[in-house]
Amino acid sequence: MAITRHGSGLTAAVGALSSQIHPVFMLPPLAASLFGALLAGVESLPLAGLHATAVFAGLYTAHVKDGYVDFFVRGEDDDHPLTARGCRLALAGATLTFACCVVAIALLVDLPAALLTAPGWAIGYFHAPQLDTHPVTATVGYPTGIAIALLGGYYVQAGTLAPVAPAFAGTFLVVLSGIKVIDDAQDYEYDQSIGKRTVAVVLGRDRARLTAYGLMGLGLAAVLAFAAAGVFPPSAAAAPAVFGAVALTTRRADDRLATMLLIRGSYLFLAVLIAATWFRPLAV
């Protein structure tokens, strides 16, 4: 039985499977995993790669499951490159890859490292149709995955969690949750019609926007507070200025454009934090 809905043969199968790799959404968690390793000093590149592979497998699981639910269960999407059987095989392959990575992390590092990695798959697999129907879990699911990726990347290298790791993870969780509120608002009318309770549906568009910018502002303020307290390098204070400038340009933009700009702004936010941590330009 074919695993693709369009075409046949190896090329079509590879194309359908690779279509579930979405770089825009995959890069931040993978970068967070490597950023966690960077914070810890990168004691082992193979371990960093192993953890990043686990993160990738968890994200791939999320994308395949989400596509399967949206097309075959909810009927939201007009098309999907994989058949139902293809989705199940892709899920099985991604899950097996993730499980192998977690077992390897447990053997090469320790059990807490594996337990800190494992939730990444659960968040991805249960995102649809369980977590994405509640305003809280629909909003914080993806940002929580990024936070866990950072914590796991750090722990795999250091064998412990210093305050800087949860501080960064918490900051990303809050800022990205704000972006996710605006992202979800793009589907306001449809979500409202099917009773999907996102923040925009529950609060309305205007209050959802205020909530989103409030969360982003809280996260940026936290970076400044952590830099002042010595948890972050002093140069990390430049990150809120960079992201804040992008956020200001989105205040009057529609949800689609605002989301696009804010996601790219989050890349700049992360890049500045990585540079501040790696180079420490203001260090004495």
C-alpha atoms as a PDB file:
ATOM      1  CA  MET A   1       0.000   0.000   0.000  1.00  0.00           C
ATOM      2  CA  ALA A   2       1.362   3.430  -0.977  1.00  0.00           C
ATOM      3  CA  ILE A   3       2.400   5.950   1.662  1.00  0.00           C
ATOM      4  CA  THR A   4       1.973   8.943  -0.656  1.00  0.00           C
ATOM      5  CA  ARG A   5      -1.243  10.429  -1.993  1.00  0.00           C
ATOM      6  CA  HIS A   6       0.447  11.922  -5.051  1.00  0.00           C
ATOM      7  CA  GLY A   7       2.843  10.001  -7.242  1.00  0.00           C
ATOM      8  CA  SER A   8       4.609   6.712  -6.621  1.00  0.00           C
ATOM      9  CA  GLY A   9       8.087   5.344  -6.164  1.00  0.00           C
ATOM     10  CA  LEU A  10      10.993   6.229  -3.918  1.00  0.00           C
ATOM     11  CA  THR A  11      11.271   9.864  -5.017  1.00  0.00           C
ATOM     12  CA  ALA A  12       7.615  10.561  -4.259  1.00  0.00           C
ATOM     13  CA  ALA A  13       7.865   8.777  -0.903  1.00  0.00           C
ATOM     14  CA  VAL A  14      10.955  10.736   0.136  1.00  0.00           C
ATOM     15  CA  GLY A  15       9.325  13.966  -0.991  1.00  0.00           C
ATOM     16  CA  ALA A  16       6.154  13.259   1.001  1.00  0.00           C
ATOM     17  CA  LEU A  17       8.087  12.347   4.141  1.00  0.00           C
ATOM     18  CA  SER A  18      10.408  15.345   3.857  1.00  0.00           C
ATOM     19  CA  SER A  19       7.397  17.645   3.394  1.00  0.00           C
ATOM     20  CA  GLN A  20       6.717  17.194   7.109  1.00  0.00           C
ATOM     21  CA  ILE A  21       9.997  18.925   7.950  1.00  0.00           C
ATOM     22  CA  HIS A  22       9.033  22.565   8.527  1.00  0.00           C
ATOM     23  CA  PRO A  23      12.240  24.602   9.017  1.00  0.00           C
ATOM     24  CA  VAL A  24      10.523  27.742  10.335  1.00  0.00           C
ATOM     25  CA  PHE A  25       9.125  25.828  13.308  1.00  0.00           C
ATOM     26  CA  MET A  26      11.942  23.297  13.686  1.00  0.00           C
ATOM     27  CA  LEU A  27      14.881  25.681  13.816  1.00  0.00           C
ATOM     28  CA  PRO A  28      14.030  27.413  17.134  1.00  0.00           C
ATOM     29  CA  PRO A  29      13.811  24.174  19.195  1.00  0.00           C
ATOM     30  CA  LEU A  30      16.950  22.783  17.563  1.00  0.00           C
ATOM     31  CA  ALA A  31      18.724  26.082  18.198  1.00  0.00           C
ATOM     32  CA  ALA A  32      17.501  25.987  21.801  1.00  0.00           C
ATOM     33  CA  SER A  33      19.002  22.514  22.264  1.00  0.00           C
ATOM     34  CA  LEU A  34      22.353  23.672  20.921  1.00  0.00           C
ATOM     35  CA  PHE A  35      22.108  26.918  22.888  1.00  0.00           C
ATOM     36  CA  GLY A  36      21.657  24.871  26.058  1.00  0.00           C
ATOM     37  CA  ALA A  37      24.797  22.937  25.174  1.00  0.00           C
ATOM     38  CA  LEU A  38      26.600  26.228  24.546  1.00  0.00           C
ATOM     39  CA  LEU A  39      25.568  27.571  27.944  1.00  0.00           C
ATOM     40  CA  ALA A  40      27.028  24.472  29.567  1.00  0.00           C
ATOM     41  CA  GLY A  41      30.296  24.763  27.664  1.00  0.00           C
ATOM     42  CA  VAL A  42      29.796  22.000  25.052  1.00  0.00           C
ATOM     43  CA  GLU A  43      31.721  19.229  26.748  1.00  0.00           C
ATOM     44  CA  SER A  44      30.720  16.717  24.049  1.00  0.00           C
ATOM     45  CA  LEU A  45      29.670  17.494  20.485  1.00  0.00           C
ATOM     46  CA  PRO A  46      28.325  13.934  19.913  1.00  0.00           C
ATOM     47  CA  LEU A  47      26.037  14.298  22.951  1.00  0.00           C
ATOM     48  CA  ALA A  48      24.877  17.683  21.678  1.00  0.00           C
ATOM     49  CA  GLY A  49      24.090  16.076  18.331  1.00  0.00           C
ATOM     50  CA  LEU A  50      22.300  13.178  20.027  1.00  0.00           C
ATOM     51  CA  HIS A  51      20.055  15.506  21.994  1.00  0.00           C
ATOM     52  CA  ALA A  52      19.356  17.653  18.923  1.00  0.00           C
ATOM     53  CA  THR A  53      18.375  14.490  17.037  1.00  0.00           C
ATOM     54  CA  ALA A  54      15.891  13.640  19.783  1.00  0.00           C
ATOM     55  CA  VAL A  55      14.452  17.153  19.545  1.00  0.00           C
ATOM     56  CA  PHE A  56      14.145  16.811  15.768  1.00  0.00           C
ATOM     57  CA  ALA A  57      12.356  13.467  16.096  1.00  0.00           C
ATOM     58  CA  GLY A  58       9.904  14.950  18.593  1.00  0.00           C
ATOM     59  CA  LEU A  59       9.180  17.875  16.266  1.00  0.00           C
ATOM     60  CA  TYR A  60       8.731  15.574  13.284  1.00  0.00           C
ATOM     61  CA  THR A  61       6.260  13.563  15.333  1.00  0.00           C
ATOM     62  CA  ALA A  62       4.322  16.749  16.078  1.00  0.00           C
ATOM     63  CA  HIS A  63       4.160  17.826  12.434  1.00  0.00           C
ATOM     64  CA  VAL A  64       3.072  14.427  11.124  1.00  0.00           C
ATOM     65  CA  LYS A  65       0.434  13.988  13.839  1.00  0.00           C
ATOM     66  CA  ASP A  66      -0.854  17.535  13.373  1.00  0.00           C
ATOM     67  CA  GLY A  67      -1.137  17.064   9.613  1.00  0.00           C
ATOM     68  CA  TYR A  68      -2.864  13.714  10.059  1.00  0.00           C
ATOM     69  CA  VAL A  69      -5.430  15.141  12.470  1.00  0.00           C
ATOM     70  CA  ASP A  70      -6.083  18.276  10.415  1.00  0.00           C
ATOM     71  CA  PHE A  71      -6.630  16.370   7.160  1.00  0.00           C
ATOM     72  CA  PHE A  72      -7.914  12.899   8.021  1.00  0.00           C
ATOM     73  CA  VAL A  73      -9.743  13.627  11.293  1.00  0.00           C
ATOM     74  CA  ARG A  74     -10.899  17.254  11.296  1.00  0.00           C
ATOM     75  CA  GLY A  75     -10.998  17.852   7.556  1.00  0.00           C
ATOM     76  CA  GLU A  76      -9.425  21.282   7.996  1.00  0.00           C
ATOM     77  CA  ASP A  77      -6.744  20.969   5.300  1.00  0.00           C
ATOM     78  CA  ASP A  78      -7.458  20.701   1.587  1.00  0.00           C
ATOM     79  CA  ASP A  79      -4.640  18.246   0.919  1.00  0.00           C
ATOM     80  CA  HIS A  80      -1.913  16.177   2.544  1.00  0.00           C
ATOM     81  CA  PRO A  81       1.074  14.494   0.869  1.00  0.00           C
ATOM     82  CA  LEU A  82       0.944  11.310   2.970  1.00  0.00           C
ATOM     83  CA  THR A  83      -1.724   8.643   3.113  1.00  0.00           C
ATOM     84  CA  ALA A  84      -3.121   7.665   6.509  1.00  0.00           C
ATOM     85  CA  ARG A  85      -0.829   4.620   6.440  1.00  0.00           C
ATOM     86  CA  GLY A  86       2.093   6.849   5.476  1.00  0.00           C
ATOM     87  CA  CYS A  87       1.375   9.074   8.476  1.00  0.00           C
ATOM     88  CA  ARG A  88       1.319   6.089  10.796  1.00  0.00           C
ATOM     89  CA  LEU A  89       4.611   4.761   9.413  1.00  0.00           C
ATOM     90  CA  ALA A  90       6.222   8.185   9.694  1.00  0.00           C
ATOM     91  CA  LEU A  91       4.991   8.477  13.288  1.00  0.00           C
ATOM     92  CA  ALA A  92       6.374   5.031  14.081  1.00  0.00           C
ATOM     93  CA  GLY A  93       9.763   5.886  12.580  1.00  0.00           C
ATOM     94  CA  ALA A  94      10.017   9.219  14.385  1.00  0.00           C
ATOM     95  CA  THR A  95       8.920   7.657  17.668  1.00  0.00           C
ATOM     96  CA  LEU A  96      11.457   4.850  17.347  1.00  0.00           C
ATOM     97  CA  THR A  97      14.202   7.369  16.581  1.00  0.00           C
ATOM     98  CA  PHE A  98      13.217   9.448  19.597  1.00  0.00           C
ATOM     99  CA  ALA A  99      13.098   6.388  21.876  1.00  0.00           C
ATOM    100  CA  CYS A 100      16.555   5.266  20.747  1.00  0.00           C
ATOM    101  CA  CYS A 101      17.949   8.738  21.451  1.00  0.00           C
ATOM    102  CA  VAL A 102      16.385   8.830  24.924  1.00  0.00           C
ATOM    103  CA  VAL A 103      17.776   5.379  25.792  1.00  0.00           C
ATOM    104  CA  ALA A 104      21.214   6.418  24.536  1.00  0.00           C
ATOM    105  CA  ILE A 105      21.067   9.605  26.626  1.00  0.00           C
ATOM    106  CA  ALA A 106      20.125   7.547  29.690  1.00  0.00           C
ATOM    107  CA  LEU A 107      23.098   5.234  29.135  1.00  0.00           C
ATOM    108  CA  LEU A 108      25.645   7.885  28.164  1.00  0.00           C
ATOM    109  CA  VAL A 109      24.612  10.589  30.642  1.00  0.00           C
ATOM    110  CA  ASP A 110      22.092   9.522  33.287  1.00  0.00           C
ATOM    111  CA  LEU A 111      18.397   8.859  33.868  1.00  0.00           C
ATOM    112  CA  PRO A 112      17.481  12.480  34.772  1.00  0.00           C
ATOM    113  CA  ALA A 113      18.882  13.603  31.403  1.00  0.00           C
ATOM    114  CA  ALA A 114      16.625  11.103  29.644  1.00  0.00           C
ATOM    115  CA  LEU A 115      13.605  12.136  31.721  1.00  0.00           C
ATOM    116  CA  LEU A 116      14.271  15.777  30.867  1.00  0.00           C
ATOM    117  CA  THR A 117      14.331  14.909  27.167  1.00  0.00           C
ATOM    118  CA  ALA A 118      11.309  12.585  27.065  1.00  0.00           C
ATOM    119  CA  PRO A 119       8.520  15.226  27.384  1.00  0.00           C
ATOM    120  CA  GLY A 120       9.466  16.606  23.973  1.00  0.00           C
ATOM    121  CA  TRP A 121       7.821  13.642  22.252  1.00  0.00           C
ATOM    122  CA  ALA A 122       4.728  13.759  24.470  1.00  0.00           C
ATOM    123  CA  ILE A 123       4.160  17.455  23.732  1.00  0.00           C
ATOM    124  CA  GLY A 124       4.503  16.791  20.004  1.00  0.00           C
ATOM    125  CA  TYR A 125       2.327  13.688  19.848  1.00  0.00           C
ATOM    126  CA  PHE A 126      -0.495  14.996  22.012  1.00  0.00           C
ATOM    127  CA  HIS A 127      -0.517  18.533  20.581  1.00  0.00           C
ATOM    128  CA  ALA A 128      -3.355  17.549  18.245  1.00  0.00           C
ATOM    129  CA  PRO A 129      -6.116  16.893  18.977  1.00  0.00           C
ATOM    130  CA  GLN A 130      -5.674  17.059  22.761  1.00  0.00           C
ATOM    131  CA  LEU A 131      -3.518  20.059  23.717  1.00  0.00           C
ATOM    132  CA  ASP A 132      -4.426  22.424  20.882  1.00  0.00           C
ATOM    133  CA  THR A 133      -8.075  22.806  21.946  1.00  0.00           C
ATOM    134  CA  HIS A 134      -7.453  24.504  25.325  1.00  0.00           C
ATOM    135  CA  PRO A 135      -6.321  28.147  25.478  1.00  0.00           C
ATOM    136  CA  VAL A 136      -3.434  27.472  27.879  1.00  0.00           C
ATOM    137  CA  THR A 137      -1.995  24.286  26.375  1.00  0.00           C
ATOM    138  CA  ALA A 138      -2.578  25.519  22.810  1.00  0.00           C
ATOM    139  CA  THR A 139      -0.521  28.598  23.660  1.00  0.00           C
ATOM    140  CA  VAL A 140       2.325  27.207  25.749  1.00  0.00           C
ATOM    141  CA  GLY A 141       2.786  23.792  24.106  1.00  0.00           C
ATOM    142  CA  TYR A 142       5.348  24.811  21.470  1.00  0.00           C
ATOM    143  CA  PRO A 143       7.170  27.311  23.740  1.00  0.00           C
ATOM    144  CA  THR A 144       7.334  24.653  26.470  1.00  0.00           C
ATOM    145  CA  GLY A 145       8.943  22.287  23.989  1.00  0.00           C
ATOM    146  CA  ILE A 146      11.586  24.910  23.245  1.00  0.00           C
ATOM    147  CA  ALA A 147      12.203  25.493  26.946  1.00  0.00           C
ATOM    148  CA  ILE A 148      12.581  21.748  27.553  1.00  0.00           C
ATOM    149  CA  ALA A 149      14.949  21.473  24.582  1.00  0.00           C
ATOM    150  CA  LEU A 150      17.167  24.150  26.122  1.00  0.00           C
ATOM    151  CA  LEU A 151      17.134  22.534  29.563  1.00  0.00           C
ATOM    152  CA  GLY A 152      17.867  19.111  28.115  1.00  0.00           C
ATOM    153  CA  GLY A 153      20.680  20.419  25.928  1.00  0.00           C
ATOM    154  CA  TYR A 154      22.249  22.011  28.981  1.00  0.00           C
ATOM    155  CA  TYR A 155      21.839  19.029  31.295  1.00  0.00           C
ATOM    156  CA  VAL A 156      23.213  16.537  28.779  1.00  0.00           C
ATOM    157  CA  GLN A 157      26.462  18.521  28.777  1.00  0.00           C
ATOM    158  CA  ALA A 158      26.716  19.578  32.418  1.00  0.00           C
ATOM    159  CA  GLY A 159      24.965  16.759  34.274  1.00  0.00           C
ATOM    160  CA  THR A 160      23.116  19.386  36.334  1.00  0.00           C
ATOM    161  CA  LEU A 161      21.079  22.577  35.923  1.00  0.00           C
ATOM    162  CA  ALA A 162      22.667  25.889  36.945  1.00  0.00           C
ATOM    163  CA  PRO A 163      20.307  28.878  37.439  1.00  0.00           C
ATOM    164  CA  VAL A 164      21.194  30.340  34.031  1.00  0.00           C
ATOM    165  CA  ALA A 165      19.533  27.430  32.186  1.00  0.00           C
ATOM    166  CA  PRO A 166      16.008  27.663  33.700  1.00  0.00           C
ATOM    167  CA  ALA A 167      16.290  31.470  33.539  1.00  0.00           C
ATOM    168  CA  PHE A 168      16.830  31.360  29.778  1.00  0.00           C
ATOM    169  CA  ALA A 169      14.217  28.620  29.354  1.00  0.00           C
ATOM    170  CA  GLY A 170      11.628  30.612  31.282  1.00  0.00           C
ATOM    171  CA  THR A 171      12.367  33.741  29.271  1.00  0.00           C
ATOM    172  CA  PHE A 172      11.875  31.927  25.972  1.00  0.00           C
ATOM    173  CA  LEU A 173       8.691  30.304  27.276  1.00  0.00           C
ATOM    174  CA  VAL A 174       7.101  33.659  28.102  1.00  0.00           C
ATOM    175  CA  VAL A 175       8.218  35.551  24.973  1.00  0.00           C
ATOM    176  CA  LEU A 176       7.274  32.750  22.583  1.00  0.00           C
ATOM    177  CA  SER A 177       3.923  32.239  24.297  1.00  0.00           C
ATOM    178  CA  GLY A 178       3.146  35.848  23.434  1.00  0.00           C
ATOM    179  CA  ILE A 179       3.997  35.203  19.787  1.00  0.00           C
ATOM    180  CA  LYS A 180       1.878  32.046  19.806  1.00  0.00           C
ATOM    181  CA  VAL A 181      -1.195  33.998  20.966  1.00  0.00           C
ATOM    182  CA  ILE A 182      -0.945  36.185  17.844  1.00  0.00           C
ATOM    183  CA  ASP A 183      -0.185  33.175  15.637  1.00  0.00           C
ATOM    184  CA  ASP A 184      -3.345  31.394  16.829  1.00  0.00           C
ATOM    185  CA  ALA A 185      -5.421  34.519  16.211  1.00  0.00           C
ATOM    186  CA  GLN A 186      -4.913  34.026  12.464  1.00  0.00           C
ATOM    187  CA  ASP A 187      -7.520  31.255  12.613  1.00  0.00           C
ATOM    188  CA  TYR A 188      -9.912  33.160  14.865  1.00  0.00           C
ATOM    189  CA  GLU A 189     -13.050  32.785  12.730  1.00  0.00           C
ATOM    190  CA  TYR A 190     -12.524  29.109  11.967  1.00  0.00           C
ATOM    191  CA  ASP A 191     -11.514  28.209  15.522  1.00  0.00           C
ATOM    192  CA  GLN A 192     -14.576  30.013  16.832  1.00  0.00           C
ATOM    193  CA  SER A 193     -16.833  28.123  14.391  1.00  0.00           C
ATOM    194  CA  ILE A 194     -15.636  24.708  15.585  1.00  0.00           C
ATOM    195  CA  GLY A 195     -15.431  25.591  19.278  1.00  0.00           C
ATOM    196  CA  LYS A 196     -11.638  25.530  19.431  1.00  0.00           C
ATOM    197  CA  ARG A 197     -10.805  27.649  22.480  1.00  0.00           C
ATOM    198  CA  THR A 198      -7.635  29.557  21.699  1.00  0.00           C
ATOM    199  CA  VAL A 199      -6.770  32.718  23.639  1.00  0.00           C
ATOM    200  CA  ALA A 200      -8.187  34.858  20.820  1.00  0.00           C
ATOM    201  CA  VAL A 201     -11.486  32.949  20.889  1.00  0.00           C
ATOM    202  CA  VAL A 202     -11.758  33.161  24.675  1.00  0.00           C
ATOM    203  CA  LEU A 203     -10.657  36.785  25.130  1.00  0.00           C
ATOM    204  CA  GLY A 204     -11.440  38.323  21.757  1.00  0.00           C
ATOM    205  CA  ARG A 205      -8.944  39.718  19.262  1.00  0.00           C
ATOM    206  CA  ASP A 206      -8.163  43.006  21.025  1.00  0.00           C
ATOM    207  CA  ARG A 207      -7.596  41.555  24.489  1.00  0.00           C
ATOM    208  CA  ALA A 208      -5.637  38.671  22.992  1.00  0.00           C
ATOM    209  CA  ARG A 209      -3.287  41.197  21.368  1.00  0.00           C
ATOM    210  CA  LEU A 210      -2.836  42.996  24.688  1.00  0.00           C
ATOM    211  CA  THR A 211      -2.140  39.674  26.385  1.00  0.00           C
ATOM    212  CA  ALA A 212       0.391  38.737  23.711  1.00  0.00           C
ATOM    213  CA  TYR A 213       2.362  41.973  23.970  1.00  0.00           C
ATOM    214  CA  GLY A 214       2.115  41.810  27.755  1.00  0.00           C
ATOM    215  CA  LEU A 215       3.754  38.373  27.733  1.00  0.00           C
ATOM    216  CA  MET A 216       6.464  39.493  25.348  1.00  0.00           C
ATOM    217  CA  GLY A 217       7.122  42.593  27.430  1.00  0.00           C
ATOM    218  CA  LEU A 218       7.355  40.481  30.583  1.00  0.00           C
ATOM    219  CA  GLY A 219       9.907  38.200  28.940  1.00  0.00           C
ATOM    220  CA  LEU A 220      12.026  41.114  27.753  1.00  0.00           C
ATOM    221  CA  ALA A 221      11.909  42.692  31.211  1.00  0.00           C
ATOM    222  CA  ALA A 222      13.045  39.377  32.675  1.00  0.00           C
ATOM    223  CA  VAL A 223      16.144  39.415  30.450  1.00  0.00           C
ATOM    224  CA  LEU A 224      17.064  42.855  31.769  1.00  0.00           C
ATOM    225  CA  ALA A 225      16.456  41.739  35.356  1.00  0.00           C
ATOM    226  CA  PHE A 226      18.564  38.607  34.948  1.00  0.00           C
ATOM    227  CA  ALA A 227      21.354  40.627  33.302  1.00  0.00           C
ATOM    228  CA  ALA A 228      21.287  43.125  36.171  1.00  0.00           C
ATOM    229  CA  ALA A 229      21.375  40.290  38.708  1.00  0.00           C
ATOM    230  CA  GLY A 230      24.382  38.653  37.041  1.00  0.00           C
ATOM    231  CA  VAL A 231      22.523  35.518  35.937  1.00  0.00           C
ATOM    232  CA  PHE A 232      22.881  36.570  32.279  1.00  0.00           C
ATOM    233  CA  PRO A 233      25.943  38.304  30.815  1.00  0.00           C
ATOM    234  CA  PRO A 234      25.533  42.124  30.828  1.00  0.00           C
ATOM    235  CA  SER A 235      25.574  42.167  27.018  1.00  0.00           C
ATOM    236  CA  ALA A 236      22.385  40.055  27.002  1.00  0.00           C
ATOM    237  CA  ALA A 237      20.530  43.303  27.699  1.00  0.00           C
ATOM    238  CA  ALA A 238      20.886  44.110  23.993  1.00  0.00           C
ATOM    239  CA  ALA A 239      18.481  41.283  23.082  1.00  0.00           C
ATOM    240  CA  PRO A 240      15.312  43.020  24.390  1.00  0.00           C
ATOM    241  CA  ALA A 241      16.206  46.131  22.394  1.00  0.00           C
ATOM    242  CA  VAL A 242      16.515  44.118  19.175  1.00  0.00           C
ATOM    243  CA  PHE A 243      13.323  42.143  19.670  1.00  0.00           C
ATOM    244  CA  GLY A 244      11.465  45.166  21.049  1.00  0.00           C
ATOM    245  CA  ALA A 245      12.206  47.122  17.867  1.00  0.00           C
ATOM    246  CA  VAL A 246      10.697  44.322  15.777  1.00  0.00           C
ATOM    247  CA  ALA A 247       7.687  44.009  18.076  1.00  0.00           C
ATOM    248  CA  LEU A 248       6.949  47.730  17.790  1.00  0.00           C
ATOM    249  CA  THR A 249       6.669  47.434  13.996  1.00  0.00           C
ATOM    250  CA  THR A 250       3.962  44.771  14.361  1.00  0.00           C
ATOM    251  CA  ARG A 251       1.531  46.707  16.555  1.00  0.00           C
ATOM    252  CA  ARG A 252      -0.687  47.734  13.619  1.00  0.00           C
ATOM    253  CA  ALA A 253       0.042  44.717  11.398  1.00  0.00           C
ATOM    254  CA  ASP A 254      -2.519  41.994  10.802  1.00  0.00           C
ATOM    255  CA  ASP A 255      -2.097  38.676  12.595  1.00  0.00           C
ATOM    256  CA  ARG A 256      -0.387  36.946   9.677  1.00  0.00           C
ATOM    257  CA  LEU A 257       2.212  39.659   9.066  1.00  0.00           C
ATOM    258  CA  ALA A 258       2.734  40.214  12.786  1.00  0.00           C
ATOM    259  CA  THR A 259       3.387  36.509  13.324  1.00  0.00           C
ATOM    260  CA  MET A 260       5.857  36.359  10.442  1.00  0.00           C
ATOM    261  CA  LEU A 261       7.790  39.368  11.725  1.00  0.00           C
ATOM    262  CA  LEU A 262       7.734  38.262  15.356  1.00  0.00           C
ATOM    263  CA  ILE A 263       8.989  34.760  14.548  1.00  0.00           C
ATOM    264  CA  ARG A 264      11.900  36.241  12.643  1.00  0.00           C
ATOM    265  CA  GLY A 265      12.406  38.710  15.463  1.00  0.00           C
ATOM    266  CA  SER A 266      12.663  35.769  17.849  1.00  0.00           C
ATOM    267  CA  TYR A 267      15.520  34.437  15.694  1.00  0.00           C
ATOM    268  CA  LEU A 268      17.331  37.741  16.184  1.00  0.00           C
ATOM    269  CA  PHE A 269      16.510  37.630  19.898  1.00  0.00           C
ATOM    270  CA  LEU A 270      18.075  34.182  20.207  1.00  0.00           C
ATOM    271  CA  ALA A 271      21.055  35.153  18.029  1.00  0.00           C
ATOM    272  CA  VAL A 272      21.888  38.147  20.231  1.00  0.00           C
ATOM    273  CA  LEU A 273      21.610  36.009  23.372  1.00  0.00           C
ATOM    274  CA  ILE A 274      23.896  33.372  21.846  1.00  0.00           C
ATOM    275  CA  ALA A 275      26.441  36.041  20.867  1.00  0.00           C
ATOM    276  CA  ALA A 276      26.244  37.615  24.325  1.00  0.00           C
ATOM    277  CA  THR A 277      26.797  34.245  25.987  1.00  0.00           C
ATOM    278  CA  TRP A 278      29.532  33.032  23.660  1.00  0.00           C
ATOM    279  CA  PHE A 279      31.593  36.204  23.178  1.00  0.00           C
ATOM    280  CA  ARG A 280      30.697  38.094  26.410  1.00  0.00           C
ATOM    281  CA  PRO A 281      31.802  41.422  24.863  1.00  0.00           C
ATOM    282  CA  LEU A 282      31.302  43.372  28.110  1.00  0.00           C
ATOM    283  CA  ALA A 283      33.151  40.881  30.302  1.00  0.00           C
ATOM    284  CA  VAL A 284      36.069  42.325  32.261  1.00  0.00           C
END
